[in-house]
Amino acid sequence: MMIPSAEDLSNIIDAVASWQREGLPVQVHPGDFGWYQRFGSQALASGLRVWTRDGEIAAVGFLDETELIRMAISPDHAADETLAEAVVTDIETTLSDLLPPGTGIVESRFGPALQHTLNEAGWTPDEPWTVLHRALSNSVPPTSLRFETVEADDIADRVSVESAAFPGASLTAERWQLMAAGLAYQQGRCLVGYSTDGAAVGATTVWSAGHGRPGIIEPLGVHGDHRGLGYGTEMALGAASALRSMGASSVNVATPSSNTAAVATYRAAGMDSLGEVRDFRRP
């Protein structure tokens, strides 16, 4: 296991992008790295852990939040038991302070070998998440909102909607610039949705992994003053339309199953549930 430097981010993002494939479970996406880039390249690199096999990147762990590591596994190594054992050993030893017993969580939504090894080591199911998916082979219905792509010289509405949608939101103008300067944002796009009276009612950032690969929404929010009017569904449709124009094969999102309003919003936007998934909690 290694901690990469900021100079390694390009190779890591490219590798994880290549692992995004239709028909496979949704796992950590380059867009997850891109959203975290708002804290800077060094912060992102410090939050990553990389495992290699035969000189190539085989698995990447993303310390996205306190006591949580989110895993991405190369499809070529999904059944690699040796790799899985090495990952779990590192998680339970080198990363033990960050993933302590009783509270440490591993998000492992792909890779049967790693999932089996975590089970064998006594890790238990955590709270359920619902994964939602919409194929983008067909056009997306229009909405009543006017969508504007956020540019570097006009980010005020993007930041203000984020703050109004999420209490304690960490996005600032400076952090948006850091995010937009990152490699992952070359396949990303920020959108603000405006109502017919010109109010900025919602905002989202969408992330492609390249043409013909699945894209994700991370994040999507509706201004607190404009909730209950169906704008969440319209924002999700706008996000899907943007990803389709960027060449993504599908749009995907995961939300806690307990957040029934979010699940309903994405379902109303034509996204199908792929079922529930559970992270692994350290005993």
Protein backbone atom coordinates (compact mmCIF):
# COMPACT_ATOMS: atom_id res chain seq x y z
CA MET A 1 0.00 0.00 0.00
CA MET A 2 1.27 3.48 -0.82
CA ILE A 3 0.16 7.05 -0.19
CA PRO A 4 0.43 8.85 -3.54
CA SER A 5 1.74 12.32 -4.22
CA ALA A 6 -0.14 15.04 -6.08
CA GLU A 7 1.93 14.14 -9.14
CA ASP A 8 0.42 10.63 -9.09
CA LEU A 9 -3.19 11.82 -9.31
CA SER A 10 -3.34 11.76 -13.11
CA ASN A 11 -2.49 8.06 -13.32
CA ILE A 12 -4.86 7.19 -10.47
CA ILE A 13 -7.79 9.09 -11.95
CA ASP A 14 -7.19 7.56 -15.39
CA ALA A 15 -7.05 4.06 -13.89
CA VAL A 16 -10.24 4.46 -11.87
CA ALA A 17 -11.99 5.97 -14.91
CA SER A 18 -11.10 2.89 -16.95
CA TRP A 19 -12.75 0.67 -14.31
CA GLN A 20 -16.17 2.30 -14.81
CA ARG A 21 -18.13 -0.12 -16.97
CA GLU A 22 -21.78 -0.71 -17.70
CA GLY A 23 -23.16 -3.84 -16.09
CA LEU A 24 -20.79 -3.72 -13.11
CA PRO A 25 -21.77 -2.49 -9.64
CA VAL A 26 -21.29 1.24 -9.10
CA GLN A 27 -18.05 1.87 -7.18
CA VAL A 28 -15.83 4.85 -6.45
CA HIS A 29 -15.79 7.11 -9.51
CA PRO A 30 -13.31 9.77 -10.71
CA GLY A 31 -16.05 12.28 -9.93
CA ASP A 32 -15.76 11.39 -6.25
CA PHE A 33 -12.12 12.43 -6.44
CA GLY A 34 -13.05 15.51 -8.47
CA TRP A 35 -15.52 16.76 -5.87
CA TYR A 36 -12.94 16.26 -3.10
CA GLN A 37 -10.44 18.24 -5.21
CA ARG A 38 -12.11 21.39 -3.85
CA PHE A 39 -9.77 20.98 -0.88
CA GLY A 40 -6.73 20.93 -3.19
CA SER A 41 -4.56 18.37 -4.94
CA GLN A 42 -2.42 17.63 -1.90
CA ALA A 43 -5.45 16.99 0.29
CA LEU A 44 -6.85 14.60 -2.31
CA ALA A 45 -3.57 12.73 -2.67
CA SER A 46 -3.24 12.44 1.11
CA GLY A 47 -6.70 10.88 1.26
CA LEU A 48 -5.89 8.11 -1.22
CA ARG A 49 -4.27 4.71 -0.72
CA VAL A 50 -3.09 2.63 -3.67
CA TRP A 51 -2.41 -1.08 -4.04
CA THR A 52 -0.54 -2.42 -7.07
CA ARG A 53 -0.12 -5.80 -8.73
CA ASP A 54 2.72 -6.43 -11.19
CA GLY A 55 3.49 -2.72 -11.29
CA GLU A 56 -0.05 -1.65 -12.18
CA ILE A 57 -2.72 0.02 -10.03
CA ALA A 58 -5.13 -2.69 -8.90
CA ALA A 59 -7.09 -1.03 -6.09
CA VAL A 60 -7.59 2.47 -4.73
CA GLY A 61 -8.94 3.42 -1.31
CA PHE A 62 -10.44 6.87 -0.77
CA LEU A 63 -10.56 8.22 2.80
CA ASP A 64 -13.51 10.43 1.97
CA GLU A 65 -14.79 11.00 5.51
CA THR A 66 -13.68 10.30 9.06
CA GLU A 67 -13.55 6.55 9.75
CA LEU A 68 -14.60 5.65 6.17
CA ILE A 69 -12.60 4.27 3.25
CA ARG A 70 -14.29 3.88 -0.13
CA MET A 71 -12.78 1.22 -2.37
CA ALA A 72 -12.37 0.98 -6.13
CA ILE A 73 -11.14 -2.32 -7.57
CA SER A 74 -9.88 -3.04 -11.07
CA PRO A 75 -12.28 -5.44 -12.83
CA ASP A 76 -9.20 -7.50 -13.75
CA HIS A 77 -8.55 -8.05 -10.02
CA ALA A 78 -12.11 -8.41 -8.73
CA ALA A 79 -11.48 -12.07 -7.82
CA ASP A 80 -7.84 -11.60 -6.72
CA GLU A 81 -7.75 -13.14 -3.25
CA THR A 82 -4.12 -12.17 -2.62
CA LEU A 83 -4.91 -8.53 -3.32
CA ALA A 84 -8.02 -8.71 -1.14
CA GLU A 85 -6.07 -10.13 1.79
CA ALA A 86 -3.42 -7.43 1.43
CA VAL A 87 -6.07 -4.70 1.42
CA VAL A 88 -7.84 -6.03 4.52
CA THR A 89 -4.54 -6.53 6.36
CA ASP A 90 -3.55 -2.92 5.67
CA ILE A 91 -6.98 -1.66 6.70
CA GLU A 92 -6.80 -3.52 10.00
CA THR A 93 -3.18 -2.61 10.79
CA THR A 94 -1.67 0.41 9.05
CA LEU A 95 -5.04 2.16 8.79
CA SER A 96 -6.34 1.03 12.17
CA ASP A 97 -6.22 4.52 13.69
CA LEU A 98 -8.32 5.88 10.83
CA LEU A 99 -10.68 2.87 10.76
CA PRO A 100 -10.99 1.87 14.42
CA PRO A 101 -12.92 -1.12 15.71
CA GLY A 102 -16.61 -0.42 16.16
CA THR A 103 -16.71 2.63 13.89
CA GLY A 104 -14.44 1.95 10.91
CA ILE A 105 -16.36 1.48 7.66
CA VAL A 106 -15.30 0.12 4.26
CA GLU A 107 -17.41 0.90 1.22
CA SER A 108 -16.81 -2.12 -1.00
CA ARG A 109 -19.53 -2.38 -3.62
CA PHE A 110 -17.53 -4.29 -6.22
CA GLY A 111 -15.00 -7.08 -5.97
CA PRO A 112 -16.19 -10.45 -4.66
CA ALA A 113 -12.76 -11.34 -3.28
CA LEU A 114 -12.56 -8.22 -1.11
CA GLN A 115 -16.17 -8.58 0.02
CA HIS A 116 -15.58 -12.22 0.95
CA THR A 117 -12.36 -11.39 2.82
CA LEU A 118 -14.09 -8.64 4.82
CA ASN A 119 -16.88 -11.06 5.73
CA GLU A 120 -14.39 -13.70 6.80
CA ALA A 121 -12.60 -11.13 8.96
CA GLY A 122 -15.85 -10.44 10.81
CA TRP A 123 -16.84 -7.14 9.24
CA THR A 124 -20.61 -6.69 9.46
CA PRO A 125 -23.23 -4.97 7.26
CA ASP A 126 -23.73 -1.25 7.82
CA GLU A 127 -26.76 0.92 6.94
CA PRO A 128 -28.31 0.33 3.49
CA TRP A 129 -27.83 2.63 0.51
CA THR A 130 -29.99 2.68 -2.59
CA VAL A 131 -28.22 2.81 -5.95
CA LEU A 132 -30.16 4.41 -8.81
CA HIS A 133 -29.41 4.26 -12.52
CA ARG A 134 -30.69 5.64 -15.81
CA ALA A 135 -29.38 4.60 -19.22
CA LEU A 136 -28.68 7.54 -21.52
CA SER A 137 -29.14 5.86 -24.89
CA ASN A 138 -32.39 7.83 -25.34
CA SER A 139 -32.99 11.55 -24.95
CA VAL A 140 -33.99 12.99 -21.58
CA PRO A 141 -37.30 14.87 -21.24
CA PRO A 142 -37.06 18.68 -21.04
CA THR A 143 -37.90 20.58 -17.88
CA SER A 144 -39.25 23.99 -16.97
CA LEU A 145 -35.87 25.07 -15.63
CA ARG A 146 -33.23 26.98 -17.55
CA PHE A 147 -29.83 25.41 -16.99
CA GLU A 148 -26.60 27.35 -17.11
CA THR A 149 -23.16 25.78 -17.08
CA VAL A 150 -21.03 27.40 -14.40
CA GLU A 151 -17.92 29.21 -15.65
CA ALA A 152 -14.93 30.42 -13.67
CA ASP A 153 -15.99 34.06 -13.87
CA ASP A 154 -19.57 33.47 -12.70
CA ILE A 155 -19.74 31.05 -9.77
CA ALA A 156 -21.70 33.07 -7.21
CA ASP A 157 -25.02 31.30 -7.79
CA ARG A 158 -23.37 27.86 -7.70
CA VAL A 159 -21.83 28.59 -4.30
CA SER A 160 -24.91 30.31 -2.84
CA VAL A 161 -27.27 27.47 -3.81
CA GLU A 162 -24.89 24.90 -2.32
CA SER A 163 -24.85 26.82 0.95
CA ALA A 164 -28.63 27.15 1.00
CA ALA A 165 -29.18 23.48 0.13
CA PHE A 166 -26.70 21.89 2.54
CA PRO A 167 -26.19 23.29 6.06
CA GLY A 168 -22.48 23.54 6.73
CA ALA A 169 -21.61 23.21 3.03
CA SER A 170 -17.88 23.42 2.34
CA LEU A 171 -17.99 24.87 -1.17
CA THR A 172 -16.61 28.40 -1.53
CA ALA A 173 -15.54 30.41 -4.54
CA GLU A 174 -11.90 29.57 -3.85
CA ARG A 175 -12.66 25.88 -3.46
CA TRP A 176 -14.69 25.83 -6.67
CA GLN A 177 -11.62 27.15 -8.47
CA LEU A 178 -9.48 24.39 -6.95
CA MET A 179 -12.01 21.78 -8.04
CA ALA A 180 -12.27 23.17 -11.56
CA ALA A 181 -8.47 23.14 -11.90
CA GLY A 182 -8.31 19.41 -11.17
CA LEU A 183 -7.88 16.70 -13.78
CA ALA A 184 -11.22 15.02 -13.00
CA TYR A 185 -13.13 18.22 -13.77
CA GLN A 186 -12.06 17.91 -17.39
CA GLN A 187 -14.90 15.37 -17.43
CA GLY A 188 -17.10 17.37 -15.06
CA ARG A 189 -19.66 20.13 -15.32
CA CYS A 190 -21.45 22.34 -12.77
CA LEU A 191 -25.01 23.39 -13.51
CA VAL A 192 -27.35 25.91 -11.93
CA GLY A 193 -31.08 25.60 -12.55
CA TYR A 194 -33.12 28.81 -12.85
CA SER A 195 -36.90 29.03 -12.51
CA THR A 196 -39.06 30.99 -14.96
CA ASP A 197 -38.77 34.08 -12.74
CA GLY A 198 -34.96 33.90 -12.83
CA ALA A 199 -34.32 32.53 -9.34
CA ALA A 200 -31.42 30.12 -8.86
CA VAL A 201 -33.35 27.18 -7.39
CA GLY A 202 -30.93 24.27 -7.68
CA ALA A 203 -27.37 23.30 -8.44
CA THR A 204 -25.48 20.13 -9.25
CA THR A 205 -22.14 18.84 -10.43
CA VAL A 206 -22.01 15.91 -12.85
CA TRP A 207 -19.02 13.77 -13.68
CA SER A 208 -18.30 11.61 -16.69
CA ALA A 209 -15.56 8.99 -16.75
CA GLY A 210 -15.16 9.30 -20.51
CA HIS A 211 -17.23 8.53 -23.58
CA GLY A 212 -19.34 5.40 -23.26
CA ARG A 213 -18.78 5.04 -19.53
CA PRO A 214 -21.15 5.59 -16.58
CA GLY A 215 -21.36 9.06 -15.09
CA ILE A 216 -22.43 10.19 -11.64
CA ILE A 217 -24.16 13.07 -9.89
CA GLU A 218 -22.13 14.46 -6.99
CA PRO A 219 -23.74 16.51 -5.48
CA LEU A 220 -27.27 17.80 -6.25
CA GLY A 221 -29.16 20.24 -4.09
CA VAL A 222 -32.23 22.49 -4.16
CA HIS A 223 -32.24 25.88 -2.46
CA GLY A 224 -34.08 25.69 0.85
CA ASP A 225 -36.47 28.46 -0.19
CA HIS A 226 -37.63 26.52 -3.26
CA ARG A 227 -38.27 23.00 -2.00
CA GLY A 228 -41.48 21.07 -2.48
CA LEU A 229 -42.00 22.35 -6.03
CA GLY A 230 -40.52 19.44 -7.96
CA TYR A 231 -37.21 21.17 -8.68
CA GLY A 232 -35.19 18.24 -7.34
CA THR A 233 -36.63 16.00 -10.04
CA GLU A 234 -36.02 18.65 -12.69
CA MET A 235 -32.43 19.10 -11.50
CA ALA A 236 -31.88 15.34 -11.78
CA LEU A 237 -33.26 15.40 -15.33
CA GLY A 238 -30.98 18.30 -16.19
CA ALA A 239 -28.01 16.42 -14.76
CA ALA A 240 -28.87 13.37 -16.85
CA SER A 241 -29.22 15.48 -19.99
CA ALA A 242 -25.83 17.11 -19.38
CA LEU A 243 -24.12 13.74 -18.91
CA ARG A 244 -25.71 12.45 -22.10
CA SER A 245 -24.33 15.44 -24.01
CA MET A 246 -20.90 14.65 -22.53
CA GLY A 247 -21.03 11.11 -23.91
CA ALA A 248 -21.77 9.22 -20.70
CA SER A 249 -23.56 5.90 -21.12
CA SER A 250 -25.65 6.29 -17.97
CA VAL A 251 -26.24 8.44 -14.90
CA ASN A 252 -25.86 6.93 -11.44
CA VAL A 253 -26.30 8.07 -7.88
CA ALA A 254 -26.31 6.43 -4.45
CA THR A 255 -28.20 7.79 -1.47
CA PRO A 256 -28.94 6.43 2.01
CA SER A 257 -32.09 4.32 1.83
CA SER A 258 -33.33 6.19 4.89
CA ASN A 259 -33.45 9.36 2.76
CA THR A 260 -36.74 8.37 1.21
CA ALA A 261 -37.32 11.85 -0.26
CA ALA A 262 -34.08 11.66 -2.27
CA VAL A 263 -34.86 8.15 -3.48
CA ALA A 264 -38.33 9.30 -4.57
CA THR A 265 -36.86 12.33 -6.35
CA TYR A 266 -34.46 10.26 -8.43
CA ARG A 267 -37.16 7.69 -9.17
CA ALA A 268 -39.42 10.50 -10.39
CA ALA A 269 -36.60 11.57 -12.72
CA GLY A 270 -36.75 8.18 -14.44
CA MET A 271 -33.95 6.48 -12.56
CA ASP A 272 -34.38 2.80 -11.70
CA SER A 273 -33.32 1.34 -8.38
CA LEU A 274 -30.52 -1.21 -8.66
CA GLY A 275 -31.33 -2.37 -5.16
CA GLU A 276 -29.72 -1.76 -1.81
CA VAL A 277 -26.06 -2.11 -0.95
CA ARG A 278 -24.43 -2.10 2.46
CA ASP A 279 -20.99 -1.01 3.53
CA PHE A 280 -18.87 -3.07 5.93
CA ARG A 281 -18.47 -2.02 9.57
CA ARG A 282 -15.45 -3.14 11.55
CA PRO A 283 -16.40 -5.31 14.55
